[in-house]
């Protein structure tokens, strides 16, 4: 499968090392990253019509991804 956009390292390139460190040292952060990756993949598949979903569901996935990214950023910023 092709590259999925919105990977955390792409979203926060200056924080790639910190993200890797937090994934190893913070179980909550690691769980959020895993959830973000799953939702991001679902958004990608919906946007590219690999999976057929309603527009409402696709929009809900985008909102969920944004909330997760905001939560992750808050943790990264504090670390």
C-alpha atoms as a PDB file:
ATOM      1  CA  UNK A   1       0.000   0.000   0.000  1.00  0.00           C
ATOM      2  CA  UNK A   2       1.183   3.530  -0.662  1.00  0.00           C
ATOM      3  CA  UNK A   3       2.334   5.997   1.945  1.00  0.00           C
ATOM      4  CA  UNK A   4      -0.407   7.184   4.310  1.00  0.00           C
ATOM      5  CA  UNK A   5      -0.282  10.982   4.793  1.00  0.00           C
ATOM      6  CA  UNK A   6      -0.525  12.655   8.212  1.00  0.00           C
ATOM      7  CA  UNK A   7       1.954  10.374   9.940  1.00  0.00           C
ATOM      8  CA  UNK A   8       2.922  11.938  13.272  1.00  0.00           C
ATOM      9  CA  UNK A   9       6.545  12.353  12.218  1.00  0.00           C
ATOM     10  CA  UNK A  10       5.311  14.332   9.198  1.00  0.00           C
ATOM     11  CA  UNK A  11       2.887  16.377  11.260  1.00  0.00           C
ATOM     12  CA  UNK A  12       5.564  17.263  13.838  1.00  0.00           C
ATOM     13  CA  UNK A  13       8.912  16.781  12.032  1.00  0.00           C
ATOM     14  CA  UNK A  14      10.900  18.761  14.586  1.00  0.00           C
ATOM     15  CA  UNK A  15       9.581  16.475  17.333  1.00  0.00           C
ATOM     16  CA  UNK A  16      10.281  13.087  15.710  1.00  0.00           C
ATOM     17  CA  UNK A  17      12.902  12.119  18.292  1.00  0.00           C
ATOM     18  CA  UNK A  18      10.690  13.214  21.177  1.00  0.00           C
ATOM     19  CA  UNK A  19       7.770  11.222  19.739  1.00  0.00           C
ATOM     20  CA  UNK A  20       9.932   8.093  19.529  1.00  0.00           C
ATOM     21  CA  UNK A  21      11.154   8.641  23.094  1.00  0.00           C
ATOM     22  CA  UNK A  22       7.648   9.149  24.466  1.00  0.00           C
ATOM     23  CA  UNK A  23       6.361   6.055  22.685  1.00  0.00           C
ATOM     24  CA  UNK A  24       8.961   4.066  24.610  1.00  0.00           C
ATOM     25  CA  UNK A  25       8.574   5.736  28.001  1.00  0.00           C
ATOM     26  CA  UNK A  26       4.888   6.726  28.245  1.00  0.00           C
ATOM     27  CA  UNK A  27       2.282   3.958  27.917  1.00  0.00           C
ATOM     28  CA  UNK A  28      -0.604   6.422  27.605  1.00  0.00           C
ATOM     29  CA  UNK A  29       1.166   8.321  24.822  1.00  0.00           C
ATOM     30  CA  UNK A  30       1.996   5.064  23.068  1.00  0.00           C
ATOM     31  CA  UNK A  31      -1.662   3.998  23.218  1.00  0.00           C
ATOM     32  CA  UNK A  32      -2.763   7.352  21.788  1.00  0.00           C
ATOM     33  CA  UNK A  33      -0.232   7.028  18.964  1.00  0.00           C
ATOM     34  CA  UNK A  34      -1.560   3.577  18.148  1.00  0.00           C
ATOM     35  CA  UNK A  35      -5.134   4.887  18.113  1.00  0.00           C
ATOM     36  CA  UNK A  36      -4.090   7.897  15.997  1.00  0.00           C
ATOM     37  CA  UNK A  37      -2.405   5.594  13.471  1.00  0.00           C
ATOM     38  CA  UNK A  38      -5.495   3.383  13.225  1.00  0.00           C
ATOM     39  CA  UNK A  39      -7.838   6.336  12.746  1.00  0.00           C
ATOM     40  CA  UNK A  40      -5.437   7.990  10.307  1.00  0.00           C
ATOM     41  CA  UNK A  41      -5.348   4.791   8.270  1.00  0.00           C
ATOM     42  CA  UNK A  42      -9.156   4.647   8.276  1.00  0.00           C
ATOM     43  CA  UNK A  43      -9.321   8.260   7.052  1.00  0.00           C
ATOM     44  CA  UNK A  44      -6.836   7.496   4.302  1.00  0.00           C
ATOM     45  CA  UNK A  45      -8.808   4.439   3.193  1.00  0.00           C
ATOM     46  CA  UNK A  46     -12.080   6.391   3.221  1.00  0.00           C
ATOM     47  CA  UNK A  47     -10.636   9.373   1.335  1.00  0.00           C
ATOM     48  CA  UNK A  48      -9.168   7.109  -1.332  1.00  0.00           C
ATOM     49  CA  UNK A  49     -12.368   5.080  -1.596  1.00  0.00           C
ATOM     50  CA  UNK A  50     -10.634   1.877  -0.589  1.00  0.00           C
ATOM     51  CA  UNK A  51     -13.354   1.470   2.052  1.00  0.00           C
ATOM     52  CA  UNK A  52     -16.869   2.667   1.369  1.00  0.00           C
ATOM     53  CA  UNK A  53     -18.142   4.834   4.216  1.00  0.00           C
ATOM     54  CA  UNK A  54     -20.718   7.587   4.448  1.00  0.00           C
ATOM     55  CA  UNK A  55     -19.610  11.218   4.284  1.00  0.00           C
ATOM     56  CA  UNK A  56     -20.727  11.607   7.891  1.00  0.00           C
ATOM     57  CA  UNK A  57     -18.556   8.707   9.030  1.00  0.00           C
ATOM     58  CA  UNK A  58     -15.579  10.014   7.070  1.00  0.00           C
ATOM     59  CA  UNK A  59     -16.005  13.444   8.666  1.00  0.00           C
ATOM     60  CA  UNK A  60     -16.319  11.859  12.128  1.00  0.00           C
ATOM     61  CA  UNK A  61     -13.049  10.008  11.512  1.00  0.00           C
ATOM     62  CA  UNK A  62     -11.342  13.278  10.552  1.00  0.00           C
ATOM     63  CA  UNK A  63     -12.608  14.942  13.728  1.00  0.00           C
ATOM     64  CA  UNK A  64     -11.410  11.991  15.815  1.00  0.00           C
ATOM     65  CA  UNK A  65      -7.982  12.191  14.165  1.00  0.00           C
ATOM     66  CA  UNK A  66      -7.799  15.924  14.921  1.00  0.00           C
ATOM     67  CA  UNK A  67      -8.731  15.370  18.597  1.00  0.00           C
ATOM     68  CA  UNK A  68      -6.101  12.659  18.941  1.00  0.00           C
ATOM     69  CA  UNK A  69      -3.480  14.844  17.280  1.00  0.00           C
ATOM     70  CA  UNK A  70      -4.317  17.693  19.659  1.00  0.00           C
ATOM     71  CA  UNK A  71      -3.987  15.342  22.648  1.00  0.00           C
ATOM     72  CA  UNK A  72      -0.676  14.027  21.396  1.00  0.00           C
ATOM     73  CA  UNK A  73       0.634  17.540  20.777  1.00  0.00           C
ATOM     74  CA  UNK A  74      -0.287  18.554  24.307  1.00  0.00           C
ATOM     75  CA  UNK A  75       1.794  15.671  25.680  1.00  0.00           C
ATOM     76  CA  UNK A  76       4.712  16.380  23.327  1.00  0.00           C
ATOM     77  CA  UNK A  77       4.696  20.055  24.261  1.00  0.00           C
ATOM     78  CA  UNK A  78       4.798  19.275  28.000  1.00  0.00           C
ATOM     79  CA  UNK A  79       7.575  16.681  27.707  1.00  0.00           C
END
